[in-house]
C-alpha atoms as a PDB file:
ATOM      1  CA  MET A   1     -30.906  27.847  92.291  1.00  0.00           C
ATOM      2  CA  THR A   2     -31.294  31.864  92.128  1.00  0.00           C
ATOM      3  CA  ALA A   3     -31.759  32.828  95.442  1.00  0.00           C
ATOM      4  CA  PRO A   4     -35.380  34.326  96.346  1.00  0.00           C
ATOM      5  CA  ARG A   5     -34.615  37.947  97.262  1.00  0.00           C
ATOM      6  CA  LEU A   6     -32.784  38.565  93.503  1.00  0.00           C
ATOM      7  CA  LEU A   7     -37.064  37.409  91.516  1.00  0.00           C
ATOM      8  CA  PRO A   8     -38.415  40.709  91.097  1.00  0.00           C
ATOM      9  CA  GLN A   9     -41.457  41.623  93.003  1.00  0.00           C
ATOM     10  CA  ARG A  10     -43.999  41.218  89.427  1.00  0.00           C
ATOM     11  CA  TRP A  11     -42.441  37.588  89.101  1.00  0.00           C
ATOM     12  CA  ARG A  12     -43.786  37.153  93.126  1.00  0.00           C
ATOM     13  CA  GLN A  13     -47.665  38.444  93.320  1.00  0.00           C
ATOM     14  CA  GLY A  14     -49.290  37.089  96.328  1.00  0.00           C
ATOM     15  CA  ASP A  15     -47.619  34.504  98.288  1.00  0.00           C
ATOM     16  CA  ALA A  16     -48.457  31.334  96.729  1.00  0.00           C
ATOM     17  CA  VAL A  17     -47.642  32.866  93.638  1.00  0.00           C
ATOM     18  CA  ALA A  18     -44.047  33.629  95.775  1.00  0.00           C
ATOM     19  CA  ALA A  19     -43.177  30.326  96.983  1.00  0.00           C
ATOM     20  CA  HIS A  20     -43.802  29.000  93.892  1.00  0.00           C
ATOM     21  CA  ALA A  21     -41.877  31.276  92.017  1.00  0.00           C
ATOM     22  CA  GLU A  22     -38.872  30.614  94.688  1.00  0.00           C
ATOM     23  CA  ALA A  23     -39.409  26.817  94.414  1.00  0.00           C
ATOM     24  CA  ILE A  24     -38.507  26.669  90.539  1.00  0.00           C
ATOM     25  CA  ALA A  25     -36.241  29.651  90.528  1.00  0.00           C
ATOM     26  CA  GLY A  26     -33.367  27.546  88.846  1.00  0.00           C
ATOM     27  CA  ILE A  27     -35.162  27.586  85.681  1.00  0.00           C
ATOM     28  CA  LEU A  28     -33.293  30.549  85.350  1.00  0.00           C
ATOM     29  CA  ASP A  29     -30.039  28.296  85.389  1.00  0.00           C
ATOM     30  CA  THR A  30     -31.010  25.736  82.971  1.00  0.00           C
ATOM     31  CA  PRO A  31     -29.375  26.202  79.252  1.00  0.00           C
ATOM     32  CA  PRO A  32     -31.462  27.906  76.410  1.00  0.00           C
ATOM     33  CA  VAL A  33     -33.685  26.408  74.282  1.00  0.00           C
ATOM     34  CA  ILE A  34     -32.194  26.172  70.920  1.00  0.00           C
ATOM     35  CA  SER A  35     -34.318  27.219  68.333  1.00  0.00           C
ATOM     36  CA  ARG A  36     -35.169  25.649  65.021  1.00  0.00           C
ATOM     37  CA  LYS A  37     -36.918  26.702  62.451  1.00  0.00           C
ATOM     38  CA  ASP A  38     -38.362  22.643  61.526  1.00  0.00           C
ATOM     39  CA  GLY A  39     -41.769  23.673  60.863  1.00  0.00           C
ATOM     40  CA  LEU A  40     -42.948  23.266  65.153  1.00  0.00           C
ATOM     41  CA  VAL A  41     -43.993  25.584  66.909  1.00  0.00           C
ATOM     42  CA  LEU A  42     -43.985  25.023  70.443  1.00  0.00           C
ATOM     43  CA  PHE A  43     -46.372  27.634  72.260  1.00  0.00           C
ATOM     44  CA  THR A  44     -48.202  28.695  75.296  1.00  0.00           C
ATOM     45  CA  ALA A  45     -49.830  32.203  76.643  1.00  0.00           C
ATOM     46  CA  ILE A  46     -47.771  33.865  79.062  1.00  0.00           C
ATOM     47  CA  GLY A  47     -47.632  37.109  81.431  1.00  0.00           C
ATOM     48  CA  SER A  48     -45.264  38.308  83.887  1.00  0.00           C
ATOM     49  CA  ALA A  49     -46.862  36.183  86.903  1.00  0.00           C
ATOM     50  CA  SER A  50     -46.439  32.962  84.880  1.00  0.00           C
ATOM     51  CA  LEU A  51     -43.074  33.490  83.501  1.00  0.00           C
ATOM     52  CA  LEU A  52     -41.088  31.243  85.518  1.00  0.00           C
ATOM     53  CA  PRO A  53     -43.754  28.464  85.009  1.00  0.00           C
ATOM     54  CA  ALA A  54     -44.078  28.779  81.475  1.00  0.00           C
ATOM     55  CA  MET A  55     -40.546  28.404  81.141  1.00  0.00           C
ATOM     56  CA  VAL A  56     -40.713  24.784  82.822  1.00  0.00           C
ATOM     57  CA  ALA A  57     -43.773  24.145  80.798  1.00  0.00           C
ATOM     58  CA  ILE A  58     -41.876  24.884  77.426  1.00  0.00           C
ATOM     59  CA  LYS A  59     -38.818  23.810  78.043  1.00  0.00           C
ATOM     60  CA  SER A  60     -39.118  20.774  79.836  1.00  0.00           C
ATOM     61  CA  LEU A  61     -41.360  19.759  76.798  1.00  0.00           C
ATOM     62  CA  ALA A  62     -38.797  20.682  74.315  1.00  0.00           C
ATOM     63  CA  ARG A  63     -35.806  18.560  76.371  1.00  0.00           C
ATOM     64  CA  PRO A  64     -37.853  15.639  74.745  1.00  0.00           C
ATOM     65  CA  LEU A  65     -38.769  16.852  71.485  1.00  0.00           C
ATOM     66  CA  GLN A  66     -35.751  18.525  70.576  1.00  0.00           C
ATOM     67  CA  ARG A  67     -37.162  20.332  67.769  1.00  0.00           C
ATOM     68  CA  GLY A  68     -39.204  23.308  67.097  1.00  0.00           C
ATOM     69  CA  ARG A  69     -39.491  27.236  67.768  1.00  0.00           C
ATOM     70  CA  VAL A  70     -41.013  29.051  70.835  1.00  0.00           C
ATOM     71  CA  ALA A  71     -43.663  31.558  69.942  1.00  0.00           C
ATOM     72  CA  LEU A  72     -45.713  33.301  72.947  1.00  0.00           C
ATOM     73  CA  LEU A  73     -49.020  34.950  73.274  1.00  0.00           C
ATOM     74  CA  ASP A  74     -48.310  38.155  76.329  1.00  0.00           C
ATOM     75  CA  ASP A  75     -51.546  38.749  78.155  1.00  0.00           C
ATOM     76  CA  GLY A  76     -50.176  42.528  78.636  1.00  0.00           C
ATOM     77  CA  THR A  77     -48.374  41.992  81.622  1.00  0.00           C
ATOM     78  CA  LEU A  78     -44.513  41.154  80.229  1.00  0.00           C
ATOM     79  CA  THR A  79     -42.099  43.988  80.535  1.00  0.00           C
ATOM     80  CA  ALA A  80     -39.055  44.990  78.766  1.00  0.00           C
ATOM     81  CA  GLU A  81     -36.844  43.299  81.306  1.00  0.00           C
ATOM     82  CA  ASP A  82     -39.426  39.570  81.217  1.00  0.00           C
ATOM     83  CA  ARG A  83     -38.914  40.172  76.894  1.00  0.00           C
ATOM     84  CA  ALA A  84     -34.852  39.776  77.323  1.00  0.00           C
ATOM     85  CA  VAL A  85     -35.507  37.088  79.577  1.00  0.00           C
ATOM     86  CA  LEU A  86     -37.436  35.320  76.921  1.00  0.00           C
ATOM     87  CA  ALA A  87     -35.381  36.334  74.212  1.00  0.00           C
ATOM     88  CA  HIS A  88     -32.029  34.440  76.431  1.00  0.00           C
ATOM     89  CA  HIS A  89     -33.951  31.084  76.954  1.00  0.00           C
ATOM     90  CA  PHE A  90     -36.403  31.232  73.800  1.00  0.00           C
ATOM     91  CA  ALA A  91     -33.582  32.922  71.052  1.00  0.00           C
ATOM     92  CA  ASP A  92     -35.363  35.554  70.717  1.00  0.00           C
ATOM     93  CA  PRO A  93     -39.403  33.924  70.189  1.00  0.00           C
ATOM     94  CA  GLN A  94     -41.948  35.698  68.301  1.00  0.00           C
ATOM     95  CA  ILE A  95     -44.364  37.824  71.083  1.00  0.00           C
ATOM     96  CA  PHE A  96     -47.982  38.443  70.040  1.00  0.00           C
ATOM     97  CA  PRO A  97     -49.488  40.210  72.269  1.00  0.00           C
ATOM     98  CA  ALA A  98     -52.989  39.912  72.958  1.00  0.00           C
ATOM     99  CA  ASP A  99     -55.101  43.080  72.477  1.00  0.00           C
ATOM    100  CA  SER A 100     -53.904  42.643  69.468  1.00  0.00           C
ATOM    101  CA  VAL A 101     -55.296  39.332  67.825  1.00  0.00           C
ATOM    102  CA  PRO A 102     -57.955  39.898  65.300  1.00  0.00           C
ATOM    103  CA  MET A 103     -60.949  38.511  67.216  1.00  0.00           C
ATOM    104  CA  GLY A 104     -63.953  38.836  65.018  1.00  0.00           C
ATOM    105  CA  SER A 105     -67.158  36.983  66.082  1.00  0.00           C
ATOM    106  CA  PHE A 106     -64.930  35.328  68.591  1.00  0.00           C
ATOM    107  CA  PRO A 107     -65.609  36.971  72.296  1.00  0.00           C
ATOM    108  CA  LYS A 108     -62.097  38.118  73.499  1.00  0.00           C
ATOM    109  CA  GLY A 109     -60.442  36.260  76.890  1.00  0.00           C
ATOM    110  CA  GLN A 110     -60.757  32.736  78.556  1.00  0.00           C
ATOM    111  CA  GLY A 111     -58.426  30.834  75.850  1.00  0.00           C
ATOM    112  CA  TRP A 112     -59.620  32.104  72.403  1.00  0.00           C
ATOM    113  CA  GLU A 113     -56.702  34.511  71.648  1.00  0.00           C
ATOM    114  CA  SER A 114     -54.536  31.371  71.675  1.00  0.00           C
ATOM    115  CA  LEU A 115     -56.928  29.575  69.913  1.00  0.00           C
ATOM    116  CA  LEU A 116     -57.010  31.873  66.751  1.00  0.00           C
ATOM    117  CA  VAL A 117     -53.333  32.344  67.487  1.00  0.00           C
ATOM    118  CA  MET A 118     -52.563  28.775  66.353  1.00  0.00           C
ATOM    119  CA  LEU A 119     -55.729  28.571  63.872  1.00  0.00           C
ATOM    120  CA  ASP A 120     -54.048  31.575  62.035  1.00  0.00           C
ATOM    121  CA  GLY A 121     -50.504  30.060  62.011  1.00  0.00           C
ATOM    122  CA  ARG A 122     -51.291  26.617  61.163  1.00  0.00           C
ATOM    123  CA  LEU A 123     -51.287  26.773  57.186  1.00  0.00           C
ATOM    124  CA  GLY A 124     -47.126  26.312  57.082  1.00  0.00           C
ATOM    125  CA  GLU A 125     -46.231  24.887  60.601  1.00  0.00           C
ATOM    126  CA  TYR A 126     -47.608  22.786  63.581  1.00  0.00           C
ATOM    127  CA  TRP A 127     -48.908  24.426  66.220  1.00  0.00           C
ATOM    128  CA  LEU A 128     -48.179  22.641  69.848  1.00  0.00           C
ATOM    129  CA  ARG A 129     -49.633  24.694  72.792  1.00  0.00           C
ATOM    130  CA  VAL A 130     -48.485  23.805  76.211  1.00  0.00           C
ATOM    131  CA  SER A 131     -50.214  25.328  79.235  1.00  0.00           C
ATOM    132  CA  HIS A 132     -48.072  27.131  82.062  1.00  0.00           C
ATOM    133  CA  ASP A 133     -48.960  25.115  84.338  1.00  0.00           C
ATOM    134  CA  SER A 134     -47.825  21.874  83.251  1.00  0.00           C
ATOM    135  CA  VAL A 135     -44.609  19.764  83.440  1.00  0.00           C
ATOM    136  CA  THR A 136     -43.275  17.116  80.570  1.00  0.00           C
ATOM    137  CA  LEU A 137     -41.330  14.355  82.898  1.00  0.00           C
ATOM    138  CA  GLY A 138     -40.202  11.847  80.340  1.00  0.00           C
ATOM    139  CA  ASP A 139     -39.821  11.066  76.637  1.00  0.00           C
ATOM    140  CA  VAL A 140     -43.335  11.646  74.230  1.00  0.00           C
ATOM    141  CA  PRO A 141     -42.808   9.320  71.936  1.00  0.00           C
ATOM    142  CA  GLU A 142     -46.889   9.559  70.966  1.00  0.00           C
ATOM    143  CA  ILE A 143     -46.066  13.589  70.707  1.00  0.00           C
ATOM    144  CA  ALA A 144     -43.389  12.786  68.327  1.00  0.00           C
ATOM    145  CA  THR A 145     -45.646  10.570  66.129  1.00  0.00           C
ATOM    146  CA  ALA A 146     -48.474  12.835  65.614  1.00  0.00           C
ATOM    147  CA  ILE A 147     -46.268  15.314  64.524  1.00  0.00           C
ATOM    148  CA  GLY A 148     -43.645  13.435  62.598  1.00  0.00           C
ATOM    149  CA  ALA A 149     -47.164  12.301  60.500  1.00  0.00           C
ATOM    150  CA  ASN A 150     -48.812  15.871  60.886  1.00  0.00           C
ATOM    151  CA  ARG A 151     -51.924  14.640  62.701  1.00  0.00           C
ATOM    152  CA  SER A 152     -53.244  16.760  65.321  1.00  0.00           C
ATOM    153  CA  PHE A 153     -53.733  15.587  68.485  1.00  0.00           C
ATOM    154  CA  VAL A 154     -55.100  16.437  71.882  1.00  0.00           C
ATOM    155  CA  GLU A 155     -55.249  15.703  75.836  1.00  0.00           C
ATOM    156  CA  LEU A 156     -58.271  14.283  76.880  1.00  0.00           C
ATOM    157  CA  ALA A 157     -60.138  16.413  79.647  1.00  0.00           C
ATOM    158  CA  HIS A 158     -61.290  13.129  81.832  1.00  0.00           C
ATOM    159  CA  ASP A 159     -60.488   9.299  82.456  1.00  0.00           C
ATOM    160  CA  THR A 160     -63.877   8.551  80.949  1.00  0.00           C
ATOM    161  CA  SER A 161     -63.235  11.031  78.321  1.00  0.00           C
ATOM    162  CA  ASP A 162     -63.763   8.773  74.744  1.00  0.00           C
ATOM    163  CA  SER A 163     -60.264   8.410  73.124  1.00  0.00           C
ATOM    164  CA  SER A 164     -61.788   9.280  69.257  1.00  0.00           C
ATOM    165  CA  PRO A 165     -64.272  11.663  68.305  1.00  0.00           C
ATOM    166  CA  VAL A 166     -67.993  10.503  69.106  1.00  0.00           C
ATOM    167  CA  SER A 167     -70.853  12.681  67.306  1.00  0.00           C
ATOM    168  CA  PHE A 168     -71.723  16.426  68.313  1.00  0.00           C
ATOM    169  CA  ALA A 169     -75.339  15.827  69.248  1.00  0.00           C
ATOM    170  CA  ASP A 170     -75.047  13.110  70.911  1.00  0.00           C
ATOM    171  CA  VAL A 171     -72.885  15.036  73.313  1.00  0.00           C
ATOM    172  CA  PHE A 172     -75.108  17.602  73.681  1.00  0.00           C
ATOM    173  CA  ASN A 173     -78.401  16.207  72.777  1.00  0.00           C
ATOM    174  CA  SER A 174     -78.496  18.692  70.173  1.00  0.00           C
ATOM    175  CA  ASP A 175     -81.528  19.078  67.344  1.00  0.00           C
ATOM    176  CA  VAL A 176     -80.128  21.506  65.486  1.00  0.00           C
ATOM    177  CA  PRO A 177     -79.713  19.859  62.239  1.00  0.00           C
ATOM    178  CA  SER A 178     -76.390  21.241  61.358  1.00  0.00           C
ATOM    179  CA  ALA A 179     -75.371  19.580  64.254  1.00  0.00           C
ATOM    180  CA  ALA A 180     -75.764  15.579  62.730  1.00  0.00           C
ATOM    181  CA  ARG A 181     -72.432  16.001  60.043  1.00  0.00           C
ATOM    182  CA  TRP A 182     -69.873  17.251  63.250  1.00  0.00           C
ATOM    183  CA  HIS A 183     -67.839  14.863  65.806  1.00  0.00           C
ATOM    184  CA  TYR A 184     -66.724  15.765  68.754  1.00  0.00           C
ATOM    185  CA  ILE A 185     -63.625  15.240  71.356  1.00  0.00           C
ATOM    186  CA  ASP A 186     -63.414  15.926  74.698  1.00  0.00           C
ATOM    187  CA  ALA A 187     -60.297  18.084  75.192  1.00  0.00           C
ATOM    188  CA  GLY A 188     -58.607  19.330  78.288  1.00  0.00           C
ATOM    189  CA  GLY A 189     -56.872  22.078  78.309  1.00  0.00           C
ATOM    190  CA  GLY A 190     -52.781  21.691  78.940  1.00  0.00           C
ATOM    191  CA  LEU A 191     -51.625  20.133  75.899  1.00  0.00           C
ATOM    192  CA  VAL A 192     -52.942  20.258  72.056  1.00  0.00           C
ATOM    193  CA  GLY A 193     -51.336  19.775  68.612  1.00  0.00           C
ATOM    194  CA  LEU A 194     -52.845  21.589  64.848  1.00  0.00           C
ATOM    195  CA  ALA A 195     -50.972  19.873  62.197  1.00  0.00           C
ATOM    196  CA  ALA A 196     -49.597  21.892  59.354  1.00  0.00           C
ATOM    197  CA  GLY A 197     -51.933  22.851  56.214  1.00  0.00           C
ATOM    198  CA  GLY A 198     -55.012  22.312  58.615  1.00  0.00           C
ATOM    199  CA  GLY A 199     -58.367  24.666  58.667  1.00  0.00           C
ATOM    200  CA  GLY A 200     -58.403  27.997  59.390  1.00  0.00           C
ATOM    201  CA  ARG A 201     -61.253  29.598  61.730  1.00  0.00           C
ATOM    202  CA  GLY A 202     -64.154  28.199  59.827  1.00  0.00           C
ATOM    203  CA  THR A 203     -64.199  25.153  61.491  1.00  0.00           C
ATOM    204  CA  ALA A 204     -63.799  27.403  65.131  1.00  0.00           C
ATOM    205  CA  GLU A 205     -66.942  29.398  63.611  1.00  0.00           C
ATOM    206  CA  ALA A 206     -69.555  26.386  63.520  1.00  0.00           C
ATOM    207  CA  ALA A 207     -67.985  25.543  66.910  1.00  0.00           C
ATOM    208  CA  LEU A 208     -68.973  29.087  68.476  1.00  0.00           C
ATOM    209  CA  ALA A 209     -72.216  28.629  66.677  1.00  0.00           C
ATOM    210  CA  LEU A 210     -73.405  24.913  68.114  1.00  0.00           C
ATOM    211  CA  LEU A 211     -71.557  24.716  70.810  1.00  0.00           C
ATOM    212  CA  PRO A 212     -73.149  26.072  74.473  1.00  0.00           C
ATOM    213  CA  GLU A 213     -72.703  28.894  76.700  1.00  0.00           C
ATOM    214  CA  PRO A 214     -70.436  27.488  79.533  1.00  0.00           C
ATOM    215  CA  GLY A 215     -72.480  26.890  82.291  1.00  0.00           C
ATOM    216  CA  PRO A 216     -71.649  28.816  86.252  1.00  0.00           C
ATOM    217  CA  ASN A 217     -69.579  26.193  87.614  1.00  0.00           C
ATOM    218  CA  GLU A 218     -67.301  25.597  84.637  1.00  0.00           C
ATOM    219  CA  THR A 219     -64.023  26.307  84.033  1.00  0.00           C
ATOM    220  CA  GLY A 220     -63.194  30.354  82.457  1.00  0.00           C
ATOM    221  CA  ASP A 221     -61.690  28.685  79.220  1.00  0.00           C
ATOM    222  CA  THR A 222     -64.161  25.798  78.843  1.00  0.00           C
ATOM    223  CA  GLY A 223     -65.643  27.507  75.452  1.00  0.00           C
ATOM    224  CA  ALA A 224     -62.334  27.693  74.072  1.00  0.00           C
ATOM    225  CA  ARG A 225     -61.019  24.391  75.364  1.00  0.00           C
ATOM    226  CA  ARG A 226     -64.642  22.747  73.884  1.00  0.00           C
ATOM    227  CA  ALA A 227     -63.420  24.060  70.397  1.00  0.00           C
ATOM    228  CA  MET A 228     -60.055  22.803  69.990  1.00  0.00           C
ATOM    229  CA  GLY A 229     -62.291  19.145  70.741  1.00  0.00           C
ATOM    230  CA  PHE A 230     -64.229  20.291  67.973  1.00  0.00           C
ATOM    231  CA  ILE A 231     -61.503  21.719  65.391  1.00  0.00           C
ATOM    232  CA  ILE A 232     -59.310  18.422  66.094  1.00  0.00           C
ATOM    233  CA  ALA A 233     -62.562  16.206  66.327  1.00  0.00           C
ATOM    234  CA  ASN A 234     -63.241  16.852  62.445  1.00  0.00           C
ATOM    235  CA  GLU A 235     -59.549  16.613  61.502  1.00  0.00           C
ATOM    236  CA  ALA A 236     -58.013  13.441  59.460  1.00  0.00           C
ATOM    237  CA  ALA A 237     -57.090  11.165  61.704  1.00  0.00           C
ATOM    238  CA  PRO A 238     -56.801  13.051  65.312  1.00  0.00           C
ATOM    239  CA  VAL A 239     -54.831  11.571  67.442  1.00  0.00           C
ATOM    240  CA  CYS A 240     -55.894  11.110  71.236  1.00  0.00           C
ATOM    241  CA  LEU A 241     -53.340  10.764  74.002  1.00  0.00           C
ATOM    242  CA  PRO A 242     -53.872   7.942  76.503  1.00  0.00           C
ATOM    243  CA  ARG A 243     -54.948   9.746  79.612  1.00  0.00           C
ATOM    244  CA  ASN A 244     -52.916   6.942  82.151  1.00  0.00           C
ATOM    245  CA  LEU A 245     -49.713   9.494  80.256  1.00  0.00           C
ATOM    246  CA  TYR A 246     -51.653  12.949  79.941  1.00  0.00           C
ATOM    247  CA  ARG A 247     -53.204  13.809  82.273  1.00  0.00           C
ATOM    248  CA  ASN A 248     -53.947  16.067  85.427  1.00  0.00           C
ATOM    249  CA  TRP A 249     -52.595  15.981  88.605  1.00  0.00           C
ATOM    250  CA  HIS A 250     -55.230  15.622  91.595  1.00  0.00           C
ATOM    251  CA  GLN A 251     -53.996  16.749  95.266  1.00  0.00           C
ATOM    252  CA  GLY A 252     -52.202  13.652  97.113  1.00  0.00           C
ATOM    253  CA  GLU A 253     -50.991  11.831  93.691  1.00  0.00           C
ATOM    254  CA  ASP A 254     -48.071  10.802  93.674  1.00  0.00           C
ATOM    255  CA  TRP A 255     -46.231  12.361  90.027  1.00  0.00           C
ATOM    256  CA  ARG A 256     -43.256  10.112  90.486  1.00  0.00           C
ATOM    257  CA  PHE A 257     -44.730   7.173  88.938  1.00  0.00           C
ATOM    258  CA  GLY A 258     -46.921   6.760  85.754  1.00  0.00           C
ATOM    259  CA  PRO A 259     -47.436   9.832  83.811  1.00  0.00           C
ATOM    260  CA  VAL A 260     -44.760  11.944  81.961  1.00  0.00           C
ATOM    261  CA  PHE A 261     -47.147  15.252  81.007  1.00  0.00           C
ATOM    262  CA  LEU A 262     -48.815  16.542  84.148  1.00  0.00           C
ATOM    263  CA  ARG A 263     -51.063  19.708  84.343  1.00  0.00           C
ATOM    264  CA  PHE A 264     -51.285  21.154  87.589  1.00  0.00           C
ATOM    265  CA  VAL A 265     -54.341  23.112  87.176  1.00  0.00           C
ATOM    266  CA  ALA A 266     -55.796  23.303  90.839  1.00  0.00           C
ATOM    267  CA  ALA A 267     -52.435  22.799  92.410  1.00  0.00           C
ATOM    268  CA  ARG A 268     -51.554  25.089  95.627  1.00  0.00           C
ATOM    269  CA  SER A 269     -48.888  26.999  94.387  1.00  0.00           C
ATOM    270  CA  SER A 270     -46.258  25.786  97.074  1.00  0.00           C
ATOM    271  CA  PRO A 271     -42.638  24.522  97.529  1.00  0.00           C
ATOM    272  CA  GLU A 272     -44.506  21.285  99.464  1.00  0.00           C
ATOM    273  CA  GLY A 273     -46.572  21.176  96.672  1.00  0.00           C
ATOM    274  CA  GLY A 274     -46.623  18.030  93.464  1.00  0.00           C
ATOM    275  CA  TRP A 275     -46.534  21.305  90.911  1.00  0.00           C
ATOM    276  CA  ALA A 276     -43.085  22.297  92.787  1.00  0.00           C
ATOM    277  CA  GLU A 277     -41.909  19.168  93.634  1.00  0.00           C
ATOM    278  CA  ALA A 278     -42.418  18.271  89.524  1.00  0.00           C
ATOM    279  CA  SER A 279     -40.819  21.445  87.956  1.00  0.00           C
ATOM    280  CA  ARG A 280     -37.733  21.117  90.282  1.00  0.00           C
ATOM    281  CA  ALA A 281     -37.532  17.157  88.975  1.00  0.00           C
ATOM    282  CA  ALA A 282     -37.942  18.923  85.418  1.00  0.00           C
ATOM    283  CA  ILE A 283     -35.277  21.633  86.381  1.00  0.00           C
ATOM    284  CA  ALA A 284     -33.008  18.899  87.317  1.00  0.00           C
ATOM    285  CA  LEU A 285     -33.236  17.006  84.045  1.00  0.00           C
ATOM    286  CA  LEU A 286     -32.686  20.285  82.473  1.00  0.00           C
ATOM    287  CA  ALA A 287     -29.652  21.391  84.406  1.00  0.00           C
ATOM    288  CA  ASP A 288     -27.997  17.911  82.996  1.00  0.00           C
ATOM    289  CA  SER A 289     -29.180  18.622  79.303  1.00  0.00           C
ATOM    290  CA  PRO A 290     -25.967  20.128  77.353  1.00  0.00           C
ATOM    291  CA  SER A 291     -28.665  21.828  75.403  1.00  0.00           C
ATOM    292  CA  ASN A 292     -32.259  21.009  74.281  1.00  0.00           C
END
């Protein structure tokens, strides 16, 4: 494993981030992902401080899929040295600067840039976005099947989320006449796929007009996450991933049994935490693989 003292300071912003980076530095010793221009794009938002976790997220998902090329959204903090690392591990990935994404009427930040890059790019390719704070630990046949059938998919936000699209008007108690024609899925923020050839920004604009403003106790990406659920719910035959296999990790949960994909959105970044442990398990699988 790469010695902690060799990690640049920009990857170690704060004690918790530094501890996590040191715990997962072995990702730098794993084989590069083979880039395949086969109609699939593996995509995530990234910055200097999240570079190592994002590498774990992408590489651990690329291992069972064995297909696709990588694209990244730079939050503005990637350095030339960061880009060199990414070029080696992801075969010179396509990188979109966040401040260059045309926003139109959409708000800046909080996940909207990622959503718009995907919508703008999906005309000829299937776009799969994975969050940087996630780890894939096993085979993902549900995702592979959705990609093969060119069906959009979504990870559900909660155990109680409906496993198929429901009426938008019923969910949000909307009496706006146009709301009755729309559907909605309670989407999670960790994993989502947009089928190639689907609609662009039009449905996102409808979502922006109809969705309520996020409440004070909701996460910053709530608006963009809800818009993604809105978009996918109104596409042909969307796939909702089974919640028992694709889920958020909760403090104290044993990640080793059951789920094949976990998002550590609220995890404490420490070498002893579930996120670091799961990441090291994924790194071990990658180290045993000749390539991805």
